[in-house]
Amino acid sequence: MAEQTSSTFGCFPAVLVALFLSFFLIAGVQQGPVEMPATGGIEVTAQAQTEGTTEVGGRQSLTVIEQVETQVSNTVPATITLEVSGYHPDGCKFPAQVQQSRVDTQVTVKIYRIVPVDVMCTMDLNPYKDTITLEGAFDSGDYTIDVNGTIVQVRV
C-alpha cells in the first residue's frame, strides 16, 4: 500500500488560482461598456466634447458645423440669416433642433438632435444644411455669432 503524505500548503496554489479568477470575473461583470476612440480619419472637435448631455428621453447629439454664411437684410433694424452646413456624426435620422440665445452683441446658436439612449446608430455621417433666421432685430454694430463652436463676425 502506498503511503500518502499531506502538506499544509498542498491545495494552496489551487485556492489562490480560484480566488484570482473569481476576482477578475466579478470585476469584469461590474465594468460598464467600453467606449472605443474614433477611427477612420474622423477628427474629434470641440463639438464632440459637449455632446452627451442627457435630456428627458435621450442624449443631445450636437451637429458638427463646417461652414456658416451670414446674410444681413437692408432693413432698419436689420435681420440676420445664417446658411449653416455640416453633418450629424452618426447614422441616426432624428430631427435637428435649434436653440438661440443672445446677450448684447453675442449670439449663440445650438443645433442638436435628441437621440434615445437605447438606440444604436451606424457610423454613417448625415449631411446637414439649413437656413436659420436669428430671432430679434439687430441695430448697427458688430456681432459675434457662435454656432456649435464655429464663430463668425457680422457687421450690421
N, C-alpha and C. Protein backbone atom coordinates (compact mmCIF):
# COMPACT_ATOMS: atom_id res chain seq x y z
N MET A 1 0.82 -1.15 0.00
CA MET A 1 0.00 0.00 0.00
C MET A 1 0.89 1.24 0.00
N ALA A 2 0.50 2.25 -0.79
CA ALA A 2 1.31 3.46 -0.91
C ALA A 2 1.00 4.38 0.25
N GLU A 3 2.03 4.99 0.73
CA GLU A 3 1.87 5.90 1.85
C GLU A 3 1.59 7.30 1.32
N GLN A 4 0.61 7.98 1.87
CA GLN A 4 0.20 9.31 1.41
C GLN A 4 0.77 10.35 2.38
N THR A 5 1.36 11.41 1.80
CA THR A 5 1.90 12.47 2.65
C THR A 5 1.02 13.70 2.48
N SER A 6 0.81 14.40 3.53
CA SER A 6 -0.01 15.60 3.44
C SER A 6 0.85 16.80 3.76
N SER A 7 0.51 17.90 3.14
CA SER A 7 1.24 19.13 3.34
C SER A 7 0.25 20.22 3.70
N THR A 8 0.64 21.13 4.51
CA THR A 8 -0.23 22.23 4.90
C THR A 8 -0.57 23.11 3.70
N PHE A 9 0.35 23.24 2.77
CA PHE A 9 0.14 24.09 1.60
C PHE A 9 -0.19 23.30 0.34
N GLY A 10 -0.67 22.10 0.45
CA GLY A 10 -0.95 21.25 -0.70
C GLY A 10 -1.98 21.82 -1.65
N CYS A 11 -3.08 22.35 -1.15
CA CYS A 11 -4.14 22.89 -2.03
C CYS A 11 -4.06 24.41 -2.15
N PHE A 12 -3.07 25.04 -1.53
CA PHE A 12 -2.94 26.49 -1.56
C PHE A 12 -2.84 27.06 -2.98
N PRO A 13 -2.04 26.49 -3.88
CA PRO A 13 -2.00 27.05 -5.24
C PRO A 13 -3.35 26.98 -5.95
N ALA A 14 -4.10 25.92 -5.76
CA ALA A 14 -5.41 25.79 -6.41
C ALA A 14 -6.39 26.82 -5.86
N VAL A 15 -6.37 27.07 -4.56
CA VAL A 15 -7.24 28.07 -3.95
C VAL A 15 -6.86 29.46 -4.42
N LEU A 16 -5.58 29.72 -4.51
CA LEU A 16 -5.10 31.01 -4.97
C LEU A 16 -5.53 31.30 -6.41
N VAL A 17 -5.44 30.31 -7.28
CA VAL A 17 -5.87 30.46 -8.67
C VAL A 17 -7.38 30.69 -8.73
N ALA A 18 -8.14 29.97 -7.92
CA ALA A 18 -9.60 30.13 -7.91
C ALA A 18 -9.99 31.53 -7.45
N LEU A 19 -9.35 32.06 -6.43
CA LEU A 19 -9.63 33.42 -5.95
C LEU A 19 -9.26 34.45 -7.01
N PHE A 20 -8.13 34.28 -7.66
CA PHE A 20 -7.68 35.18 -8.70
C PHE A 20 -8.69 35.25 -9.85
N LEU A 21 -9.14 34.09 -10.32
CA LEU A 21 -10.12 34.05 -11.41
C LEU A 21 -11.46 34.63 -10.99
N SER A 22 -11.88 34.36 -9.77
CA SER A 22 -13.15 34.91 -9.28
C SER A 22 -13.11 36.43 -9.23
N PHE A 23 -12.01 36.98 -8.76
CA PHE A 23 -11.88 38.43 -8.68
C PHE A 23 -12.04 39.07 -10.06
N PHE A 24 -11.35 38.55 -11.07
CA PHE A 24 -11.43 39.15 -12.40
C PHE A 24 -12.77 38.89 -13.07
N LEU A 25 -13.42 37.80 -12.73
CA LEU A 25 -14.75 37.54 -13.27
C LEU A 25 -15.75 38.54 -12.71
N ILE A 26 -15.69 38.78 -11.40
CA ILE A 26 -16.60 39.75 -10.77
C ILE A 26 -16.30 41.16 -11.26
N ALA A 27 -15.03 41.53 -11.35
CA ALA A 27 -14.66 42.87 -11.82
C ALA A 27 -15.11 43.07 -13.26
N GLY A 28 -15.04 42.05 -14.08
CA GLY A 28 -15.47 42.16 -15.49
C GLY A 28 -16.96 42.32 -15.62
N VAL A 29 -17.74 41.71 -14.75
CA VAL A 29 -19.20 41.82 -14.79
C VAL A 29 -19.64 43.20 -14.36
N GLN A 30 -18.98 43.81 -13.38
CA GLN A 30 -19.38 45.11 -12.87
C GLN A 30 -18.94 46.26 -13.76
N GLN A 31 -18.01 46.03 -14.64
CA GLN A 31 -17.50 47.08 -15.51
C GLN A 31 -18.54 47.44 -16.55
N GLY A 32 -18.72 48.74 -16.82
CA GLY A 32 -19.68 49.22 -17.81
C GLY A 32 -19.15 49.03 -19.21
N PRO A 33 -19.93 49.49 -20.21
CA PRO A 33 -19.49 49.37 -21.59
C PRO A 33 -18.24 50.20 -21.84
N VAL A 34 -17.40 49.72 -22.71
CA VAL A 34 -16.15 50.38 -23.04
C VAL A 34 -16.36 51.20 -24.30
N GLU A 35 -15.95 52.48 -24.25
CA GLU A 35 -16.05 53.33 -25.44
C GLU A 35 -14.73 53.28 -26.17
N MET A 36 -14.80 53.01 -27.45
CA MET A 36 -13.60 52.95 -28.28
C MET A 36 -13.36 54.32 -28.90
N PRO A 37 -12.11 54.73 -29.09
CA PRO A 37 -11.84 56.02 -29.72
C PRO A 37 -12.27 56.00 -31.18
N ALA A 38 -12.59 57.19 -31.70
CA ALA A 38 -13.00 57.30 -33.09
C ALA A 38 -11.84 56.93 -34.00
N THR A 39 -12.15 56.22 -35.09
CA THR A 39 -11.14 55.84 -36.06
C THR A 39 -11.63 56.19 -37.45
N GLY A 40 -10.86 55.87 -38.43
CA GLY A 40 -11.29 56.10 -39.81
C GLY A 40 -11.10 57.54 -40.24
N GLY A 41 -10.20 58.28 -39.61
CA GLY A 41 -9.93 59.63 -40.05
C GLY A 41 -10.92 60.66 -39.56
N ILE A 42 -11.83 60.30 -38.67
CA ILE A 42 -12.78 61.26 -38.15
C ILE A 42 -12.08 62.08 -37.08
N GLU A 43 -12.10 63.40 -37.23
CA GLU A 43 -11.43 64.26 -36.28
C GLU A 43 -12.40 64.63 -35.18
N VAL A 44 -11.99 64.45 -33.94
CA VAL A 44 -12.81 64.81 -32.80
C VAL A 44 -12.59 66.29 -32.54
N THR A 45 -13.68 67.06 -32.49
CA THR A 45 -13.58 68.50 -32.32
C THR A 45 -14.20 68.91 -31.00
N ALA A 46 -14.20 70.20 -30.75
CA ALA A 46 -14.78 70.72 -29.51
C ALA A 46 -16.27 70.38 -29.42
N GLN A 47 -16.95 70.26 -30.56
CA GLN A 47 -18.35 69.93 -30.54
C GLN A 47 -18.57 68.57 -29.88
N ALA A 48 -17.71 67.63 -30.15
CA ALA A 48 -17.90 66.29 -29.61
C ALA A 48 -17.71 66.28 -28.10
N GLN A 49 -16.94 67.19 -27.56
CA GLN A 49 -16.70 67.21 -26.13
C GLN A 49 -17.94 67.63 -25.35
N THR A 50 -18.83 68.42 -25.94
CA THR A 50 -20.02 68.85 -25.22
C THR A 50 -21.20 67.94 -25.49
N GLU A 51 -21.00 66.94 -26.29
CA GLU A 51 -22.07 66.03 -26.62
C GLU A 51 -22.35 65.10 -25.44
N GLY A 52 -23.58 64.63 -25.35
CA GLY A 52 -23.91 63.63 -24.36
C GLY A 52 -24.74 64.16 -23.22
N THR A 53 -25.10 65.43 -23.20
CA THR A 53 -25.96 65.93 -22.16
C THR A 53 -27.27 65.17 -22.21
N THR A 54 -27.69 64.63 -21.09
CA THR A 54 -28.89 63.81 -21.08
C THR A 54 -30.13 64.69 -20.97
N GLU A 55 -31.05 64.48 -21.86
CA GLU A 55 -32.34 65.14 -21.85
C GLU A 55 -33.38 64.10 -21.49
N VAL A 56 -34.58 64.54 -21.19
CA VAL A 56 -35.65 63.59 -20.96
C VAL A 56 -35.89 62.85 -22.27
N GLY A 57 -35.74 61.54 -22.26
CA GLY A 57 -35.96 60.75 -23.46
C GLY A 57 -34.72 60.50 -24.29
N GLY A 58 -33.54 61.01 -23.90
CA GLY A 58 -32.34 60.74 -24.70
C GLY A 58 -31.19 61.66 -24.36
N ARG A 59 -30.19 61.65 -25.25
CA ARG A 59 -29.00 62.47 -25.08
C ARG A 59 -28.89 63.43 -26.25
N GLN A 60 -28.24 64.56 -26.01
CA GLN A 60 -28.04 65.54 -27.08
C GLN A 60 -26.86 65.11 -27.94
N SER A 61 -27.08 65.12 -29.24
CA SER A 61 -26.01 64.86 -30.20
C SER A 61 -25.84 66.13 -31.03
N LEU A 62 -24.74 66.86 -30.77
CA LEU A 62 -24.51 68.12 -31.46
C LEU A 62 -24.19 67.90 -32.93
N THR A 63 -24.66 68.80 -33.76
CA THR A 63 -24.34 68.81 -35.17
C THR A 63 -22.95 69.41 -35.34
N VAL A 64 -22.11 68.77 -36.13
CA VAL A 64 -20.77 69.30 -36.40
C VAL A 64 -20.92 70.34 -37.52
N ILE A 65 -20.49 71.56 -37.25
CA ILE A 65 -20.66 72.67 -38.19
C ILE A 65 -19.37 72.85 -38.98
N GLU A 66 -19.50 72.83 -40.31
CA GLU A 66 -18.35 73.03 -41.19
C GLU A 66 -18.30 74.45 -41.76
N GLN A 67 -19.49 75.06 -41.98
CA GLN A 67 -19.50 76.38 -42.61
C GLN A 67 -20.74 77.15 -42.16
N VAL A 68 -20.55 78.46 -41.92
CA VAL A 68 -21.64 79.37 -41.60
C VAL A 68 -21.48 80.60 -42.48
N GLU A 69 -22.49 80.87 -43.30
CA GLU A 69 -22.51 82.08 -44.12
C GLU A 69 -23.62 82.98 -43.60
N THR A 70 -23.35 84.27 -43.52
CA THR A 70 -24.34 85.21 -42.99
C THR A 70 -24.90 86.10 -44.08
N GLN A 71 -26.15 86.49 -43.91
CA GLN A 71 -26.81 87.45 -44.80
C GLN A 71 -27.52 88.47 -43.91
N VAL A 72 -27.24 89.75 -44.13
CA VAL A 72 -27.84 90.82 -43.35
C VAL A 72 -28.84 91.54 -44.24
N SER A 73 -30.06 91.74 -43.72
CA SER A 73 -31.09 92.43 -44.52
C SER A 73 -30.77 93.92 -44.63
N ASN A 74 -31.40 94.58 -45.58
CA ASN A 74 -31.20 96.03 -45.78
C ASN A 74 -32.18 96.86 -44.97
N THR A 75 -32.97 96.23 -44.13
CA THR A 75 -33.97 96.95 -43.34
C THR A 75 -33.32 97.54 -42.09
N VAL A 76 -34.01 98.52 -41.49
CA VAL A 76 -33.55 99.10 -40.23
C VAL A 76 -34.67 98.91 -39.22
N PRO A 77 -34.46 98.22 -38.13
CA PRO A 77 -33.30 97.43 -37.77
C PRO A 77 -33.20 96.19 -38.67
N ALA A 78 -32.00 95.63 -38.73
CA ALA A 78 -31.72 94.53 -39.66
C ALA A 78 -32.09 93.18 -39.05
N THR A 79 -32.23 92.20 -39.94
CA THR A 79 -32.34 90.80 -39.52
C THR A 79 -31.14 90.06 -40.10
N ILE A 80 -30.74 89.00 -39.42
CA ILE A 80 -29.59 88.21 -39.86
C ILE A 80 -30.04 86.78 -40.12
N THR A 81 -29.65 86.26 -41.28
CA THR A 81 -29.95 84.89 -41.66
C THR A 81 -28.64 84.12 -41.82
N LEU A 82 -28.63 82.89 -41.33
CA LEU A 82 -27.44 82.04 -41.42
C LEU A 82 -27.69 80.89 -42.38
N GLU A 83 -26.73 80.63 -43.25
CA GLU A 83 -26.73 79.41 -44.09
C GLU A 83 -25.73 78.48 -43.43
N VAL A 84 -26.22 77.44 -42.80
CA VAL A 84 -25.37 76.56 -42.00
C VAL A 84 -25.25 75.21 -42.70
N SER A 85 -24.02 74.70 -42.79
CA SER A 85 -23.82 73.35 -43.33
C SER A 85 -22.83 72.60 -42.46
N GLY A 86 -23.02 71.30 -42.40
CA GLY A 86 -22.17 70.44 -41.58
C GLY A 86 -22.68 69.01 -41.69
N TYR A 87 -22.61 68.28 -40.59
CA TYR A 87 -23.08 66.89 -40.60
C TYR A 87 -23.41 66.42 -39.20
N HIS A 88 -24.24 65.40 -39.15
CA HIS A 88 -24.52 64.70 -37.90
C HIS A 88 -23.53 63.54 -37.84
N PRO A 89 -22.86 63.35 -36.70
CA PRO A 89 -21.76 62.38 -36.63
C PRO A 89 -22.18 60.92 -36.52
N ASP A 90 -23.45 60.62 -36.78
CA ASP A 90 -23.88 59.22 -36.74
C ASP A 90 -24.98 59.02 -37.76
N GLY A 91 -25.41 57.79 -37.94
CA GLY A 91 -26.39 57.45 -38.96
C GLY A 91 -27.83 57.55 -38.52
N CYS A 92 -28.10 58.02 -37.32
CA CYS A 92 -29.49 58.12 -36.85
C CYS A 92 -30.21 59.25 -37.59
N LYS A 93 -31.48 59.06 -37.81
CA LYS A 93 -32.29 60.02 -38.56
C LYS A 93 -33.31 60.69 -37.63
N PHE A 94 -32.84 61.52 -36.72
CA PHE A 94 -33.72 62.26 -35.82
C PHE A 94 -33.70 63.72 -36.23
N PRO A 95 -34.80 64.45 -36.03
CA PRO A 95 -34.86 65.85 -36.47
C PRO A 95 -33.91 66.74 -35.65
N ALA A 96 -33.33 67.72 -36.32
CA ALA A 96 -32.44 68.68 -35.66
C ALA A 96 -33.28 69.72 -34.93
N GLN A 97 -32.78 70.14 -33.78
CA GLN A 97 -33.42 71.19 -33.00
C GLN A 97 -32.46 72.36 -32.92
N VAL A 98 -33.00 73.57 -32.91
CA VAL A 98 -32.18 74.77 -32.88
C VAL A 98 -32.58 75.61 -31.68
N GLN A 99 -31.59 75.97 -30.85
CA GLN A 99 -31.81 76.88 -29.72
C GLN A 99 -30.97 78.12 -29.96
N GLN A 100 -31.56 79.29 -29.66
CA GLN A 100 -30.84 80.54 -29.83
C GLN A 100 -30.87 81.31 -28.52
N SER A 101 -29.77 82.00 -28.24
CA SER A 101 -29.74 82.92 -27.11
C SER A 101 -28.89 84.12 -27.52
N ARG A 102 -29.16 85.26 -26.86
CA ARG A 102 -28.46 86.49 -27.23
C ARG A 102 -28.20 87.32 -25.98
N VAL A 103 -26.96 87.73 -25.82
CA VAL A 103 -26.57 88.63 -24.74
C VAL A 103 -25.76 89.75 -25.39
N ASP A 104 -26.33 90.94 -25.39
CA ASP A 104 -25.71 92.10 -26.02
C ASP A 104 -25.38 91.80 -27.49
N THR A 105 -24.08 91.75 -27.83
CA THR A 105 -23.69 91.52 -29.22
C THR A 105 -23.22 90.09 -29.46
N GLN A 106 -23.42 89.21 -28.50
CA GLN A 106 -23.04 87.80 -28.61
C GLN A 106 -24.30 86.96 -28.84
N VAL A 107 -24.34 86.26 -29.97
CA VAL A 107 -25.46 85.38 -30.29
C VAL A 107 -24.93 83.94 -30.29
N THR A 108 -25.63 83.06 -29.59
CA THR A 108 -25.24 81.65 -29.53
C THR A 108 -26.36 80.81 -30.13
N VAL A 109 -25.99 79.96 -31.08
CA VAL A 109 -26.94 79.05 -31.73
C VAL A 109 -26.46 77.63 -31.46
N LYS A 110 -27.35 76.82 -30.92
CA LYS A 110 -27.02 75.42 -30.63
C LYS A 110 -27.92 74.55 -31.51
N ILE A 111 -27.28 73.70 -32.33
CA ILE A 111 -28.00 72.80 -33.22
C ILE A 111 -27.69 71.37 -32.77
N TYR A 112 -28.72 70.62 -32.47
CA TYR A 112 -28.52 69.28 -31.94
C TYR A 112 -29.73 68.40 -32.24
N ARG A 113 -29.58 67.13 -31.96
CA ARG A 113 -30.69 66.19 -32.04
C ARG A 113 -30.77 65.46 -30.70
N ILE A 114 -31.97 65.02 -30.34
CA ILE A 114 -32.14 64.19 -29.16
C ILE A 114 -32.16 62.74 -29.65
N VAL A 115 -31.16 61.96 -29.20
CA VAL A 115 -31.04 60.55 -29.60
C VAL A 115 -31.36 59.71 -28.37
N PRO A 116 -32.38 58.85 -28.44
CA PRO A 116 -32.70 58.00 -27.29
C PRO A 116 -31.49 57.17 -26.88
N VAL A 117 -31.30 57.00 -25.57
CA VAL A 117 -30.11 56.33 -25.06
C VAL A 117 -30.06 54.86 -25.45
N ASP A 118 -31.20 54.25 -25.74
CA ASP A 118 -31.21 52.82 -26.07
C ASP A 118 -31.14 52.56 -27.57
N VAL A 119 -30.85 53.58 -28.37
CA VAL A 119 -30.78 53.42 -29.83
C VAL A 119 -29.33 53.28 -30.26
N MET A 120 -29.05 52.30 -31.08
CA MET A 120 -27.72 52.12 -31.67
C MET A 120 -27.74 52.75 -33.07
N CYS A 121 -26.76 53.57 -33.38
CA CYS A 121 -26.68 54.25 -34.68
C CYS A 121 -25.50 53.70 -35.47
N THR A 122 -25.62 53.77 -36.79
CA THR A 122 -24.50 53.39 -37.64
C THR A 122 -23.46 54.50 -37.57
N MET A 123 -22.32 54.27 -38.16
CA MET A 123 -21.26 55.28 -38.16
C MET A 123 -21.29 56.13 -39.43
N ASP A 124 -22.39 56.11 -40.17
CA ASP A 124 -22.51 56.94 -41.37
C ASP A 124 -22.68 58.40 -40.96
N LEU A 125 -22.07 59.30 -41.72
CA LEU A 125 -22.24 60.72 -41.49
C LEU A 125 -23.44 61.20 -42.29
N ASN A 126 -24.33 61.96 -41.65
CA ASN A 126 -25.50 62.52 -42.31
C ASN A 126 -25.28 64.00 -42.56
N PRO A 127 -25.32 64.43 -43.82
CA PRO A 127 -25.13 65.86 -44.10
C PRO A 127 -26.24 66.70 -43.47
N TYR A 128 -25.89 67.92 -43.09
CA TYR A 128 -26.85 68.86 -42.52
C TYR A 128 -26.69 70.19 -43.24
N LYS A 129 -27.82 70.76 -43.66
CA LYS A 129 -27.82 72.08 -44.29
C LYS A 129 -29.14 72.73 -43.93
N ASP A 130 -29.07 73.98 -43.46
CA ASP A 130 -30.29 74.65 -43.05
C ASP A 130 -30.10 76.16 -43.13
N THR A 131 -31.21 76.86 -43.28
CA THR A 131 -31.23 78.32 -43.23
C THR A 131 -31.90 78.71 -41.93
N ILE A 132 -31.21 79.49 -41.11
CA ILE A 132 -31.72 79.87 -39.79
C ILE A 132 -31.78 81.39 -39.73
N THR A 133 -32.95 81.92 -39.46
CA THR A 133 -33.10 83.36 -39.25
C THR A 133 -32.99 83.62 -37.76
N LEU A 134 -32.05 84.48 -37.39
CA LEU A 134 -31.85 84.77 -35.98
C LEU A 134 -33.02 85.56 -35.44
N GLU A 135 -33.36 85.27 -34.19
CA GLU A 135 -34.50 85.93 -33.55
C GLU A 135 -34.16 87.38 -33.21
N GLY A 136 -35.13 88.24 -33.35
CA GLY A 136 -34.95 89.64 -32.97
C GLY A 136 -34.40 90.50 -34.10
N ALA A 137 -34.27 91.78 -33.78
CA ALA A 137 -33.74 92.75 -34.73
C ALA A 137 -32.35 93.18 -34.27
N PHE A 138 -31.53 93.61 -35.23
CA PHE A 138 -30.14 93.96 -34.95
C PHE A 138 -29.88 95.40 -35.37
N ASP A 139 -29.49 96.23 -34.39
CA ASP A 139 -29.11 97.61 -34.67
C ASP A 139 -27.70 97.61 -35.25
N SER A 140 -27.27 98.77 -35.74
CA SER A 140 -25.92 98.89 -36.31
C SER A 140 -24.88 98.50 -35.27
N GLY A 141 -23.86 97.79 -35.75
CA GLY A 141 -22.78 97.38 -34.85
C GLY A 141 -22.17 96.06 -35.29
N ASP A 142 -21.21 95.60 -34.51
CA ASP A 142 -20.55 94.32 -34.77
C ASP A 142 -21.12 93.27 -33.84
N TYR A 143 -21.37 92.07 -34.39
CA TYR A 143 -21.95 90.97 -33.62
C TYR A 143 -21.07 89.73 -33.80
N THR A 144 -21.00 88.93 -32.75
CA THR A 144 -20.31 87.65 -32.77
C THR A 144 -21.36 86.56 -32.69
N ILE A 145 -21.30 85.63 -33.64
CA ILE A 145 -22.26 84.53 -33.68
C ILE A 145 -21.51 83.22 -33.51
N ASP A 146 -21.93 82.45 -32.53
CA ASP A 146 -21.31 81.15 -32.21
C ASP A 146 -22.33 80.06 -32.54
N VAL A 147 -21.99 79.24 -33.55
CA VAL A 147 -22.86 78.13 -33.93
C VAL A 147 -22.12 76.84 -33.59
N ASN A 148 -22.47 76.21 -32.48
CA ASN A 148 -21.83 74.97 -32.01
C ASN A 148 -20.31 75.07 -32.02
N GLY A 149 -19.78 76.22 -31.65
CA GLY A 149 -18.33 76.38 -31.57
C GLY A 149 -17.70 77.00 -32.80
N THR A 150 -18.44 77.15 -33.88
CA THR A 150 -17.94 77.84 -35.07
C THR A 150 -18.32 79.31 -34.93
N ILE A 151 -17.32 80.18 -34.90
CA ILE A 151 -17.53 81.61 -34.63
C ILE A 151 -17.45 82.40 -35.93
N VAL A 152 -18.44 83.29 -36.13
CA VAL A 152 -18.42 84.23 -37.25
C VAL A 152 -18.68 85.63 -36.71
N GLN A 153 -18.10 86.62 -37.37
CA GLN A 153 -18.31 88.03 -37.03
C GLN A 153 -19.18 88.65 -38.11
N VAL A 154 -20.14 89.50 -37.67
CA VAL A 154 -21.05 90.16 -38.61
C VAL A 154 -21.10 91.64 -38.26
N ARG A 155 -21.03 92.47 -39.29
CA ARG A 155 -21.21 93.91 -39.12
C ARG A 155 -22.54 94.30 -39.75
N VAL A 156 -23.38 94.95 -38.96
CA VAL A 156 -24.70 95.39 -39.43
C VAL A 156 -24.62 96.87 -39.73
